[in-house]
N, C-alpha and C. Protein backbone atom coordinates (compact mmCIF):
# COMPACT_ATOMS: atom_id res chain seq x y z
N MET A 1 -42.45 -14.63 -16.42
CA MET A 1 -41.40 -14.57 -16.10
C MET A 1 -40.13 -14.55 -17.11
N THR A 2 -39.72 -13.47 -17.81
CA THR A 2 -37.90 -14.06 -18.70
C THR A 2 -36.89 -14.81 -17.55
N VAL A 3 -36.35 -15.95 -18.01
CA VAL A 3 -35.01 -16.38 -16.57
C VAL A 3 -33.97 -15.37 -17.61
N ARG A 4 -33.19 -15.03 -16.63
CA ARG A 4 -32.13 -14.23 -16.78
C ARG A 4 -31.40 -15.27 -16.75
N ALA A 5 -30.63 -15.79 -15.95
CA ALA A 5 -29.88 -16.72 -15.64
C ALA A 5 -30.22 -18.45 -15.02
N ASP A 6 -29.74 -19.08 -15.47
CA ASP A 6 -29.43 -20.21 -15.02
C ASP A 6 -27.89 -20.64 -14.39
N ILE A 7 -28.25 -21.20 -12.77
CA ILE A 7 -27.64 -21.49 -11.89
C ILE A 7 -27.46 -22.80 -11.90
N VAL A 8 -26.06 -22.86 -12.58
CA VAL A 8 -25.67 -24.48 -12.09
C VAL A 8 -24.79 -24.98 -10.89
N THR A 9 -24.84 -25.15 -9.87
CA THR A 9 -23.81 -26.56 -9.07
C THR A 9 -23.77 -27.40 -8.80
N VAL A 10 -22.84 -28.71 -9.30
CA VAL A 10 -22.27 -29.53 -8.77
C VAL A 10 -21.89 -29.90 -7.54
N TYR A 11 -22.81 -31.37 -6.99
CA TYR A 11 -22.59 -31.28 -5.95
C TYR A 11 -22.11 -33.52 -5.96
N HIS A 12 -21.23 -33.61 -4.96
CA HIS A 12 -20.40 -34.78 -5.25
C HIS A 12 -20.65 -36.45 -3.62
N ASN A 13 -21.17 -35.23 -2.93
CA ASN A 13 -20.97 -35.63 -1.41
C ASN A 13 -21.79 -35.37 -0.88
N PRO A 14 -22.68 -36.04 0.21
CA PRO A 14 -23.50 -35.48 1.03
C PRO A 14 -24.01 -34.20 1.81
N VAL A 15 -22.17 -33.37 1.97
CA VAL A 15 -22.11 -32.54 2.68
C VAL A 15 -21.47 -31.03 1.85
N ASN A 16 -21.60 -31.42 0.40
CA ASN A 16 -21.89 -29.95 -0.46
C ASN A 16 -22.98 -30.84 -1.41
N HIS A 17 -24.11 -31.71 -0.72
CA HIS A 17 -25.38 -31.50 -1.13
C HIS A 17 -25.99 -30.79 -0.59
N ALA A 18 -25.94 -30.89 0.84
CA ALA A 18 -26.39 -29.76 1.61
C ALA A 18 -26.26 -28.49 1.58
N GLN A 19 -25.05 -27.89 1.12
CA GLN A 19 -24.19 -26.75 1.46
C GLN A 19 -24.88 -26.46 -0.34
N HIS A 20 -25.96 -26.93 -1.46
CA HIS A 20 -25.94 -26.72 -2.62
C HIS A 20 -27.20 -26.14 -2.38
N LEU A 21 -28.16 -26.48 -1.14
CA LEU A 21 -28.96 -26.85 -0.89
C LEU A 21 -29.42 -25.06 0.30
N ASP A 22 -27.87 -25.38 0.96
CA ASP A 22 -28.05 -23.46 1.03
C ASP A 22 -27.41 -22.74 0.77
N LEU A 23 -26.93 -22.30 -0.39
CA LEU A 23 -26.21 -21.53 -1.75
C LEU A 23 -28.11 -21.75 -2.53
N PHE A 24 -28.71 -22.47 -2.71
CA PHE A 24 -29.67 -21.39 -3.92
C PHE A 24 -30.89 -21.12 -2.05
N SER A 25 -30.98 -20.92 -2.06
CA SER A 25 -31.41 -20.27 -0.37
C SER A 25 -30.84 -19.30 -0.12
N MET A 26 -29.64 -18.80 -0.82
CA MET A 26 -29.03 -17.60 0.07
C MET A 26 -29.54 -16.67 -1.76
N VAL A 27 -28.75 -17.58 -2.68
CA VAL A 27 -28.82 -17.43 -4.15
C VAL A 27 -30.45 -16.06 -3.83
N ALA A 28 -31.76 -17.26 -3.67
CA ALA A 28 -33.19 -16.45 -3.46
C ALA A 28 -33.22 -15.88 -2.66
N ARG A 29 -32.42 -15.58 -1.56
CA ARG A 29 -32.79 -14.44 -0.56
C ARG A 29 -32.46 -13.28 -1.16
N TYR A 30 -31.34 -12.57 -2.28
CA TYR A 30 -30.23 -11.41 -1.89
C TYR A 30 -31.47 -11.39 -3.79
N GLU A 31 -31.33 -12.28 -4.93
CA GLU A 31 -31.94 -11.71 -6.37
C GLU A 31 -33.22 -11.73 -6.06
N LEU A 32 -34.08 -10.75 -4.84
CA LEU A 32 -35.65 -10.96 -4.76
C LEU A 32 -36.13 -10.63 -6.26
N ASP A 33 -36.04 -10.23 -7.06
CA ASP A 33 -36.39 -10.10 -8.30
C ASP A 33 -36.53 -11.51 -9.35
N GLY A 34 -36.68 -12.28 -8.70
CA GLY A 34 -36.04 -13.82 -9.08
C GLY A 34 -36.00 -13.65 -10.28
N GLY A 35 -36.11 -14.52 -12.08
CA GLY A 35 -35.91 -14.68 -12.82
C GLY A 35 -34.60 -15.71 -13.33
N LEU A 36 -34.26 -16.44 -12.10
CA LEU A 36 -33.23 -17.28 -11.84
C LEU A 36 -33.92 -18.67 -12.41
N ARG A 37 -33.22 -19.61 -12.72
CA ARG A 37 -33.14 -21.38 -12.68
C ARG A 37 -31.92 -21.52 -11.81
N LEU A 38 -32.76 -22.13 -10.96
CA LEU A 38 -31.55 -22.51 -10.47
C LEU A 38 -31.93 -24.55 -10.78
N ILE A 39 -30.38 -24.88 -11.12
CA ILE A 39 -29.88 -26.38 -11.75
C ILE A 39 -28.63 -26.58 -10.14
N GLY A 40 -29.58 -27.93 -9.93
CA GLY A 40 -28.29 -29.17 -8.71
C GLY A 40 -27.88 -29.95 -9.43
N VAL A 41 -26.58 -29.97 -9.50
CA VAL A 41 -26.45 -31.23 -10.70
C VAL A 41 -25.99 -32.63 -9.46
N ASP A 42 -26.38 -34.03 -9.54
CA ASP A 42 -25.82 -34.87 -9.05
C ASP A 42 -25.31 -35.84 -8.84
N ASN A 43 -23.65 -35.71 -9.02
CA ASN A 43 -22.30 -36.66 -9.04
C ASN A 43 -21.76 -37.90 -7.69
N ARG A 44 -23.14 -37.73 -6.35
CA ARG A 44 -22.63 -38.79 -5.57
C ARG A 44 -22.78 -40.02 -6.00
N VAL A 45 -23.91 -40.63 -6.97
CA VAL A 45 -23.72 -41.96 -7.18
C VAL A 45 -22.75 -41.95 -8.67
N ASN A 46 -22.99 -41.82 -9.83
CA ASN A 46 -22.25 -42.06 -10.29
C ASN A 46 -20.94 -40.14 -11.09
N ASN A 47 -20.07 -39.83 -10.20
CA ASN A 47 -19.08 -38.61 -10.84
C ASN A 47 -18.71 -38.74 -12.07
N ARG A 48 -19.24 -37.74 -12.55
CA ARG A 48 -18.88 -37.85 -14.56
C ARG A 48 -17.98 -36.48 -13.91
N GLY A 49 -17.70 -36.42 -12.96
CA GLY A 49 -16.25 -35.18 -13.72
C GLY A 49 -17.40 -34.39 -13.28
N PHE A 50 -16.22 -32.60 -12.66
CA PHE A 50 -17.10 -31.39 -12.75
C PHE A 50 -17.71 -30.84 -14.12
N ALA A 51 -16.42 -31.22 -14.85
CA ALA A 51 -16.20 -30.37 -16.19
C ALA A 51 -17.79 -31.07 -17.13
N ALA A 52 -17.77 -31.88 -16.63
CA ALA A 52 -18.56 -33.16 -17.24
C ALA A 52 -20.37 -32.60 -16.28
N GLY A 53 -20.62 -32.48 -14.94
CA GLY A 53 -21.13 -32.34 -14.63
C GLY A 53 -21.45 -31.00 -14.98
N CYS A 54 -20.86 -29.52 -14.66
CA CYS A 54 -22.38 -28.79 -15.03
C CYS A 54 -22.51 -28.94 -16.40
N ASN A 55 -21.54 -29.07 -17.37
CA ASN A 55 -22.23 -29.27 -18.83
C ASN A 55 -23.67 -29.52 -18.76
N LEU A 56 -23.56 -31.29 -18.32
CA LEU A 56 -24.62 -31.66 -17.79
C LEU A 56 -26.01 -30.46 -17.60
N GLY A 57 -25.93 -29.80 -16.53
CA GLY A 57 -26.50 -29.00 -15.30
C GLY A 57 -26.96 -27.51 -16.94
N ALA A 58 -25.66 -27.10 -17.56
CA ALA A 58 -26.08 -26.25 -18.44
C ALA A 58 -27.11 -26.69 -19.51
N PHE A 59 -26.56 -27.58 -19.92
CA PHE A 59 -27.60 -27.73 -21.77
C PHE A 59 -28.50 -28.25 -20.83
N HIS A 60 -28.98 -28.35 -19.90
CA HIS A 60 -29.83 -30.14 -19.31
C HIS A 60 -31.57 -28.95 -20.41
N PRO A 61 -32.08 -29.63 -20.44
CA PRO A 61 -33.19 -29.83 -21.31
C PRO A 61 -34.47 -28.17 -20.58
N ASP A 62 -34.40 -28.26 -20.12
CA ASP A 62 -35.10 -27.15 -19.53
C ASP A 62 -34.39 -25.48 -19.63
N ALA A 63 -33.35 -25.43 -19.73
CA ALA A 63 -32.63 -24.76 -19.33
C ALA A 63 -31.88 -23.67 -20.57
N ASP A 64 -31.89 -22.41 -20.74
CA ASP A 64 -31.96 -21.47 -21.90
C ASP A 64 -32.04 -20.01 -22.23
N ALA A 65 -31.53 -19.81 -20.85
CA ALA A 65 -31.23 -18.58 -20.47
C ALA A 65 -29.97 -17.99 -21.17
N PRO A 66 -29.95 -16.50 -20.98
CA PRO A 66 -28.88 -15.96 -22.07
C PRO A 66 -27.49 -16.42 -21.06
N ILE A 67 -27.41 -16.55 -19.78
CA ILE A 67 -26.14 -16.01 -19.35
C ILE A 67 -26.55 -17.88 -18.73
N ILE A 68 -25.12 -18.20 -18.47
CA ILE A 68 -24.90 -19.67 -17.20
C ILE A 68 -23.81 -19.64 -16.08
N GLY A 69 -24.96 -19.40 -15.18
CA GLY A 69 -23.54 -18.84 -14.25
C GLY A 69 -23.23 -20.62 -13.41
N PHE A 70 -21.92 -20.96 -13.05
CA PHE A 70 -21.53 -21.68 -12.19
C PHE A 70 -21.16 -21.40 -10.77
N LEU A 71 -21.49 -22.09 -10.09
CA LEU A 71 -21.26 -21.68 -8.48
C LEU A 71 -21.32 -23.16 -7.68
N ASN A 72 -19.65 -23.17 -7.22
CA ASN A 72 -19.50 -23.96 -6.98
C ASN A 72 -20.39 -24.10 -5.18
N PRO A 73 -20.70 -25.24 -4.16
CA PRO A 73 -21.59 -25.88 -3.37
C PRO A 73 -21.18 -24.94 -2.53
N ASP A 74 -20.18 -24.80 -2.28
CA ASP A 74 -19.02 -23.78 -0.90
C ASP A 74 -19.34 -22.08 -0.79
N VAL A 75 -19.81 -22.15 -2.48
CA VAL A 75 -19.86 -20.15 -2.72
C VAL A 75 -20.87 -19.71 -1.61
N HIS A 76 -20.47 -18.82 -0.51
CA HIS A 76 -21.32 -18.44 -0.29
C HIS A 76 -21.79 -16.75 -0.57
N VAL A 77 -22.79 -16.65 -0.51
CA VAL A 77 -23.81 -15.40 -1.45
C VAL A 77 -23.83 -13.87 -0.26
N ASN A 78 -23.51 -12.93 -0.45
CA ASN A 78 -23.62 -12.04 0.14
C ASN A 78 -24.34 -10.65 -0.24
N GLY A 79 -24.73 -10.59 -1.18
CA GLY A 79 -25.50 -9.63 -2.31
C GLY A 79 -26.28 -10.17 -3.12
N PRO A 80 -27.24 -9.25 -4.08
CA PRO A 80 -27.20 -10.06 -5.67
C PRO A 80 -25.69 -9.49 -6.34
N PHE A 81 -25.97 -10.41 -7.28
CA PHE A 81 -25.03 -10.08 -8.58
C PHE A 81 -25.48 -10.55 -10.20
N VAL A 82 -26.16 -10.53 -10.37
CA VAL A 82 -26.41 -11.51 -11.54
C VAL A 82 -26.70 -9.79 -12.50
N ALA A 83 -27.04 -8.88 -11.73
CA ALA A 83 -27.15 -7.19 -12.57
C ALA A 83 -26.00 -7.34 -12.70
N LYS A 84 -24.46 -7.02 -12.40
CA LYS A 84 -23.54 -7.39 -12.43
C LYS A 84 -22.81 -7.62 -13.25
N VAL A 85 -22.96 -9.20 -13.76
CA VAL A 85 -22.71 -10.40 -14.57
C VAL A 85 -23.25 -10.05 -15.67
N ALA A 86 -24.59 -9.47 -15.21
CA ALA A 86 -25.23 -9.12 -16.87
C ALA A 86 -24.90 -8.16 -17.69
N ALA A 87 -24.29 -6.74 -17.44
CA ALA A 87 -24.65 -5.47 -17.69
C ALA A 87 -22.36 -5.78 -18.04
N THR A 88 -21.80 -6.46 -17.50
CA THR A 88 -20.59 -7.32 -18.09
C THR A 88 -20.39 -7.81 -19.45
N LEU A 89 -21.06 -8.85 -19.57
CA LEU A 89 -21.36 -9.75 -20.40
C LEU A 89 -22.18 -8.97 -21.99
N ASP A 90 -20.44 -8.76 -23.01
CA ASP A 90 -21.41 -8.84 -24.17
C ASP A 90 -20.75 -9.54 -25.84
N ASP A 91 -21.10 -8.35 -26.44
CA ASP A 91 -20.65 -9.11 -27.64
C ASP A 91 -18.91 -10.22 -27.72
N THR A 92 -18.01 -9.23 -27.27
CA THR A 92 -16.40 -8.89 -26.97
C THR A 92 -16.18 -9.97 -25.49
N ILE A 93 -16.94 -9.47 -24.27
CA ILE A 93 -16.80 -10.36 -23.15
C ILE A 93 -17.43 -11.82 -22.87
N VAL A 94 -17.27 -12.80 -22.96
CA VAL A 94 -18.08 -13.80 -22.82
C VAL A 94 -18.53 -14.35 -21.84
N ILE A 95 -17.26 -14.37 -20.72
CA ILE A 95 -17.04 -14.29 -19.99
C ILE A 95 -16.38 -14.32 -18.97
N THR A 96 -17.34 -13.74 -17.25
CA THR A 96 -16.79 -13.05 -16.07
C THR A 96 -17.50 -13.87 -14.97
N GLY A 97 -16.66 -13.21 -13.37
CA GLY A 97 -17.17 -13.49 -12.33
C GLY A 97 -15.92 -13.75 -11.50
N SER A 98 -15.79 -14.20 -10.02
CA SER A 98 -14.58 -13.41 -9.30
C SER A 98 -13.29 -14.67 -10.02
N ARG A 99 -12.75 -13.64 -9.68
CA ARG A 99 -10.81 -13.86 -9.66
C ARG A 99 -10.15 -14.46 -8.79
N PHE A 100 -11.16 -14.40 -7.16
CA PHE A 100 -10.34 -14.26 -5.58
C PHE A 100 -9.17 -13.96 -5.19
N GLY A 101 -8.21 -13.35 -5.88
CA GLY A 101 -7.09 -13.05 -5.75
C GLY A 101 -6.38 -13.97 -6.81
N LYS A 102 -6.60 -14.55 -7.46
CA LYS A 102 -5.55 -14.91 -8.36
C LYS A 102 -4.41 -14.30 -8.82
N PRO A 103 -2.91 -14.52 -8.12
CA PRO A 103 -2.14 -13.70 -8.84
C PRO A 103 -1.78 -13.62 -10.03
N GLN A 104 -1.31 -12.96 -10.96
CA GLN A 104 -1.03 -12.59 -12.13
C GLN A 104 -0.20 -13.45 -12.74
N ARG A 105 0.72 -13.70 -11.90
CA ARG A 105 1.37 -15.16 -12.23
C ARG A 105 1.73 -16.48 -12.39
N GLU A 106 0.17 -16.86 -11.95
CA GLU A 106 -0.28 -17.77 -11.86
C GLU A 106 -0.93 -17.74 -14.12
N LEU A 107 -2.14 -16.46 -14.07
CA LEU A 107 -2.34 -16.24 -15.25
C LEU A 107 -1.44 -15.96 -16.44
N ASP A 108 -0.07 -15.93 -16.46
CA ASP A 108 0.87 -15.36 -17.33
C ASP A 108 1.42 -17.37 -17.45
N PHE A 109 1.22 -18.26 -16.63
CA PHE A 109 1.98 -19.48 -16.49
C PHE A 109 0.53 -20.00 -17.57
N TRP A 110 -0.40 -19.83 -17.49
CA TRP A 110 -1.40 -20.66 -18.12
C TRP A 110 -2.06 -20.42 -19.66
N GLY A 111 -0.81 -18.51 -19.70
CA GLY A 111 -1.35 -18.28 -20.85
C GLY A 111 -2.63 -17.20 -21.02
N VAL A 112 -3.23 -16.98 -20.36
CA VAL A 112 -3.88 -15.96 -20.24
C VAL A 112 -4.20 -14.59 -19.52
N HIS A 113 -5.42 -13.74 -19.98
CA HIS A 113 -5.01 -12.01 -19.97
C HIS A 113 -5.44 -12.01 -18.65
N ASP A 114 -6.51 -12.70 -18.24
CA ASP A 114 -7.41 -12.39 -16.98
C ASP A 114 -8.32 -13.95 -16.70
N TRP A 115 -8.50 -14.07 -15.40
CA TRP A 115 -9.53 -15.28 -15.39
C TRP A 115 -10.23 -14.99 -14.40
N VAL A 116 -11.30 -15.75 -13.84
CA VAL A 116 -12.32 -16.17 -12.86
C VAL A 116 -11.73 -17.35 -12.46
N CYS A 117 -12.67 -17.72 -11.55
CA CYS A 117 -12.07 -19.14 -11.13
C CYS A 117 -13.54 -19.45 -11.14
N GLY A 118 -13.22 -20.95 -11.26
CA GLY A 118 -14.78 -21.87 -12.15
C GLY A 118 -15.65 -21.96 -11.13
N ALA A 119 -15.34 -21.52 -9.60
CA ALA A 119 -16.53 -21.68 -8.65
C ALA A 119 -16.73 -20.79 -8.40
N ALA A 120 -17.06 -19.79 -9.33
CA ALA A 120 -17.93 -18.53 -9.76
C ALA A 120 -17.71 -18.06 -10.42
N LEU A 121 -18.19 -18.81 -12.02
CA LEU A 121 -18.00 -18.53 -13.49
C LEU A 121 -19.09 -18.27 -13.94
N PHE A 122 -19.84 -17.34 -14.35
CA PHE A 122 -20.18 -17.20 -15.71
C PHE A 122 -19.97 -16.42 -17.15
N VAL A 123 -20.82 -16.83 -17.87
CA VAL A 123 -20.46 -16.70 -19.56
C VAL A 123 -21.85 -17.36 -20.31
N ARG A 124 -21.61 -16.71 -21.43
CA ARG A 124 -22.78 -16.64 -22.29
C ARG A 124 -23.16 -17.09 -23.03
N ARG A 125 -24.00 -17.96 -22.96
CA ARG A 125 -24.37 -19.19 -23.32
C ARG A 125 -24.22 -18.98 -24.83
N ASP A 126 -25.19 -18.15 -25.49
CA ASP A 126 -24.47 -18.64 -27.02
C ASP A 126 -23.08 -19.39 -27.03
N TRP A 127 -21.73 -18.28 -26.83
CA TRP A 127 -20.72 -18.41 -27.05
C TRP A 127 -20.19 -20.00 -26.58
N PHE A 128 -20.74 -20.19 -25.30
CA PHE A 128 -20.52 -21.42 -24.38
C PHE A 128 -21.02 -22.77 -24.94
N THR A 129 -22.09 -22.28 -25.94
CA THR A 129 -22.82 -23.77 -26.67
C THR A 129 -22.39 -23.61 -28.05
N ALA A 130 -22.32 -22.63 -28.56
CA ALA A 130 -20.90 -22.71 -29.54
C ALA A 130 -19.86 -23.25 -29.87
N VAL A 131 -19.16 -23.26 -28.19
CA VAL A 131 -17.77 -24.31 -28.19
C VAL A 131 -17.65 -26.22 -28.20
N GLY A 132 -19.21 -25.60 -27.57
CA GLY A 132 -19.33 -26.97 -26.86
C GLY A 132 -19.63 -27.36 -25.31
N GLY A 133 -18.94 -26.03 -24.31
CA GLY A 133 -19.45 -26.30 -23.15
C GLY A 133 -17.67 -26.66 -22.69
N PHE A 134 -17.62 -27.44 -21.53
CA PHE A 134 -15.90 -26.97 -21.01
C PHE A 134 -15.63 -28.29 -21.15
N ASP A 135 -15.04 -28.56 -21.57
CA ASP A 135 -13.73 -29.70 -22.04
C ASP A 135 -13.47 -30.98 -21.06
N VAL A 136 -14.70 -32.00 -21.40
CA VAL A 136 -14.72 -32.68 -20.78
C VAL A 136 -12.97 -33.99 -20.38
N GLN A 137 -12.50 -33.60 -20.62
CA GLN A 137 -11.01 -34.32 -20.54
C GLN A 137 -9.80 -33.19 -19.38
N PHE A 138 -10.90 -32.55 -18.70
CA PHE A 138 -10.48 -31.99 -17.75
C PHE A 138 -11.27 -32.17 -16.27
N GLU A 139 -11.26 -33.56 -16.13
CA GLU A 139 -12.53 -33.71 -15.24
C GLU A 139 -12.26 -32.90 -14.21
N TRP A 140 -11.18 -32.01 -13.26
CA TRP A 140 -10.66 -31.91 -12.09
C TRP A 140 -9.41 -30.52 -12.12
N SER A 141 -9.91 -29.40 -12.19
CA SER A 141 -9.76 -28.30 -12.68
C SER A 141 -8.40 -28.24 -13.73
N HIS A 142 -8.62 -27.24 -13.73
CA HIS A 142 -8.19 -26.72 -15.38
C HIS A 142 -8.79 -26.37 -15.98
N GLU A 143 -10.28 -26.62 -16.07
CA GLU A 143 -11.79 -26.54 -16.73
C GLU A 143 -12.03 -24.96 -17.34
N GLU A 144 -11.78 -24.40 -16.17
CA GLU A 144 -12.20 -22.65 -15.99
C GLU A 144 -11.04 -22.18 -17.25
N SER A 145 -9.39 -22.41 -17.24
CA SER A 145 -8.62 -21.84 -17.71
C SER A 145 -8.93 -22.30 -19.30
N ASP A 146 -8.94 -23.38 -19.00
CA ASP A 146 -9.47 -23.75 -19.96
C ASP A 146 -9.94 -23.25 -21.41
N LEU A 147 -11.32 -22.86 -21.08
CA LEU A 147 -12.46 -22.44 -21.53
C LEU A 147 -12.19 -20.51 -21.80
N ILE A 148 -10.95 -20.16 -21.05
CA ILE A 148 -10.69 -18.61 -20.94
C ILE A 148 -9.73 -18.75 -22.28
N ARG A 149 -8.79 -19.76 -22.52
CA ARG A 149 -7.99 -19.63 -23.26
C ARG A 149 -8.86 -20.38 -25.05
N GLN A 150 -9.72 -21.02 -24.49
CA GLN A 150 -10.77 -20.66 -25.89
C GLN A 150 -11.47 -19.63 -26.47
N ALA A 151 -12.14 -18.38 -25.59
CA ALA A 151 -12.49 -17.26 -25.43
C ALA A 151 -11.04 -16.45 -26.27
N GLN A 152 -9.92 -16.21 -25.51
CA GLN A 152 -9.18 -15.70 -26.36
C GLN A 152 -8.14 -16.07 -27.48
N THR A 153 -8.81 -17.19 -27.44
CA THR A 153 -8.59 -18.37 -29.74
C THR A 153 -9.79 -17.23 -30.66
N ASP A 154 -10.57 -17.60 -30.05
CA ASP A 154 -11.90 -16.96 -30.58
C ASP A 154 -11.61 -15.41 -30.76
N GLY A 155 -11.15 -14.70 -30.12
CA GLY A 155 -10.95 -13.47 -30.03
C GLY A 155 -11.94 -12.56 -28.69
N ARG A 156 -12.75 -13.50 -27.83
CA ARG A 156 -13.24 -12.91 -27.13
C ARG A 156 -12.27 -12.96 -25.90
N LYS A 157 -12.71 -12.27 -24.63
CA LYS A 157 -12.12 -11.83 -23.60
C LYS A 157 -13.13 -12.56 -22.75
N CYS A 158 -12.35 -13.07 -21.65
CA CYS A 158 -12.81 -13.23 -20.36
C CYS A 158 -12.27 -11.83 -19.11
N LYS A 159 -13.68 -10.92 -18.11
CA LYS A 159 -13.42 -10.26 -17.15
C LYS A 159 -13.60 -10.53 -16.09
N SER A 160 -12.77 -10.01 -15.23
CA SER A 160 -12.99 -10.80 -13.73
C SER A 160 -13.19 -9.54 -12.87
N ILE A 161 -14.92 -9.82 -12.06
CA ILE A 161 -14.97 -8.49 -11.26
C ILE A 161 -15.69 -9.06 -10.36
N ALA A 162 -15.37 -7.83 -9.36
CA ALA A 162 -15.68 -7.95 -7.66
C ALA A 162 -17.65 -8.33 -7.66
N LEU A 163 -17.53 -9.95 -7.25
CA LEU A 163 -18.74 -9.72 -6.75
C LEU A 163 -19.37 -9.79 -5.73
N PRO A 164 -20.31 -10.04 -4.53
CA PRO A 164 -20.79 -10.27 -3.32
C PRO A 164 -20.58 -11.60 -2.79
N LEU A 165 -19.40 -12.95 -3.79
CA LEU A 165 -19.31 -14.07 -3.22
C LEU A 165 -18.06 -14.65 -2.54
N GLU A 166 -18.00 -15.42 -2.03
CA GLU A 166 -16.90 -15.93 -1.17
C GLU A 166 -16.90 -17.17 -1.18
N HIS A 167 -15.13 -17.84 -1.87
CA HIS A 167 -15.14 -18.80 -1.63
C HIS A 167 -14.16 -19.03 -1.38
N THR A 168 -13.78 -20.36 -0.61
CA THR A 168 -12.57 -20.56 0.23
C THR A 168 -12.71 -22.17 0.28
N SER A 169 -11.10 -22.60 0.21
CA SER A 169 -11.09 -24.06 -0.51
C SER A 169 -11.49 -25.23 0.66
N PRO A 170 -12.08 -25.94 0.85
CA PRO A 170 -12.33 -27.44 1.69
C PRO A 170 -11.51 -27.69 2.53
N VAL A 171 -12.02 -27.47 4.16
CA VAL A 171 -11.20 -28.06 5.21
C VAL A 171 -11.65 -29.20 5.58
N ARG A 172 -12.92 -30.08 4.90
CA ARG A 172 -13.04 -31.56 5.31
C ARG A 172 -13.05 -32.47 4.37
N ASP A 173 -11.97 -31.96 3.37
CA ASP A 173 -12.39 -32.44 2.06
C ASP A 173 -11.89 -34.61 2.85
N THR A 174 -12.60 -35.85 3.01
CA THR A 174 -12.20 -36.49 2.67
C THR A 174 -10.72 -37.09 2.60
N PRO A 175 -10.25 -38.60 2.64
CA PRO A 175 -8.77 -38.92 2.21
C PRO A 175 -8.81 -39.11 0.41
N GLU A 176 -10.25 -39.83 0.59
CA GLU A 176 -10.95 -40.07 -0.50
C GLU A 176 -11.11 -38.88 -1.95
N ASP A 177 -11.41 -37.93 -1.13
CA ASP A 177 -11.60 -36.67 -2.29
C ASP A 177 -9.76 -36.22 -2.18
N VAL A 178 -8.64 -35.63 -1.11
CA VAL A 178 -7.84 -35.55 -1.04
C VAL A 178 -6.99 -36.11 -2.28
N ALA A 179 -7.32 -37.58 -2.36
CA ALA A 179 -6.19 -38.03 -3.65
C ALA A 179 -7.22 -38.13 -5.18
N TYR A 180 -8.40 -37.64 -5.04
CA TYR A 180 -8.73 -37.48 -6.43
C TYR A 180 -8.22 -36.28 -7.09
N LYS A 181 -8.21 -35.10 -6.19
CA LYS A 181 -8.68 -33.50 -6.49
C LYS A 181 -6.52 -33.62 -6.70
N GLN A 182 -5.77 -34.42 -5.97
CA GLN A 182 -4.29 -34.35 -6.39
C GLN A 182 -4.02 -35.42 -7.57
N PHE A 183 -5.18 -36.31 -7.91
CA PHE A 183 -4.34 -37.17 -8.95
C PHE A 183 -4.75 -36.66 -10.19
N HIS A 184 -6.40 -36.05 -10.26
CA HIS A 184 -7.11 -34.97 -11.30
C HIS A 184 -6.62 -33.64 -11.67
N PHE A 185 -5.37 -33.08 -10.62
CA PHE A 185 -4.93 -31.95 -10.50
C PHE A 185 -3.80 -32.21 -11.51
N THR A 186 -2.88 -33.60 -11.80
CA THR A 186 -1.92 -33.46 -11.96
C THR A 186 -1.89 -33.30 -13.66
N GLN A 187 -3.50 -34.68 -13.83
CA GLN A 187 -3.69 -35.08 -14.92
C GLN A 187 -3.75 -33.77 -16.05
N ALA A 188 -5.19 -32.93 -14.99
CA ALA A 188 -5.34 -31.90 -15.96
C ALA A 188 -3.96 -30.67 -16.36
N GLN A 189 -2.87 -30.55 -15.40
CA GLN A 189 -1.93 -29.44 -15.79
C GLN A 189 -1.94 -30.06 -17.19
N ARG A 190 -1.39 -31.09 -17.57
CA ARG A 190 -0.91 -32.12 -18.30
C ARG A 190 -1.04 -31.90 -19.29
N ARG A 191 -2.40 -32.49 -18.89
CA ARG A 191 -3.56 -31.88 -21.04
C ARG A 191 -4.00 -30.43 -20.97
N TYR A 192 -3.32 -29.53 -20.14
CA TYR A 192 -3.54 -28.26 -20.25
C TYR A 192 -2.60 -27.89 -21.18
N ILE A 193 -1.06 -28.47 -20.58
CA ILE A 193 0.30 -27.70 -21.57
C ILE A 193 0.40 -28.68 -22.83
N ARG A 194 -0.45 -29.89 -23.05
CA ARG A 194 -0.04 -30.61 -23.98
C ARG A 194 -0.96 -30.30 -25.10
N LYS A 195 -2.65 -29.54 -24.77
CA LYS A 195 -3.78 -29.06 -25.83
C LYS A 195 -3.21 -27.63 -26.06
N TRP A 196 -3.02 -26.60 -25.16
CA TRP A 196 -2.05 -25.25 -26.30
C TRP A 196 -0.69 -25.17 -25.41
N SER A 197 0.10 -25.97 -26.15
CA SER A 197 1.51 -25.51 -26.22
C SER A 197 1.46 -25.33 -27.36
N THR A 198 0.67 -24.78 -28.44
CA THR A 198 1.28 -24.69 -29.50
C THR A 198 0.54 -23.65 -30.19
N SER A 199 0.11 -22.95 -28.92
CA SER A 199 -1.31 -22.15 -29.41
C SER A 199 -0.27 -20.37 -29.35
């Protein structure tokens, strides 16, 4: 069977390790015609960062599908989604996925025309490979905005679409996770502004 999409999820603690197993079960339940390769990336012992973990899964030796999907472990799947993703991506639109209601004013701040959340992002493999994947300086946060900005710079587009996926911010973060996210969000914002301030 031809693999239509590689679905990558990155987990870094026992809670989202269990969540990623549930996620893969939900994907299999709704994508009945198969054609998906599910790739879990374990960041529990060596937390290499979200962007680097995503790249590791996307460029796994067995991964070669034309579409790469990145789903957070805590995403909830309510129906089939891959066919709609495949119908959206083309020579111009290289990134698609769920925007989850992000307001336009935030997109304007980041300098992007449209946006999708890194928790549910899909990309054409050929373009993603050509740009070298996610920029790993964005260890946590802003990695998707940076990739979308890169697409715009290349004359390509990101298009958000409605998908049967739900994602809410975790409510059970440990104090260590809260501190990690706060630190890396601030670092990522500074790096993003520095990288794109002259574009």
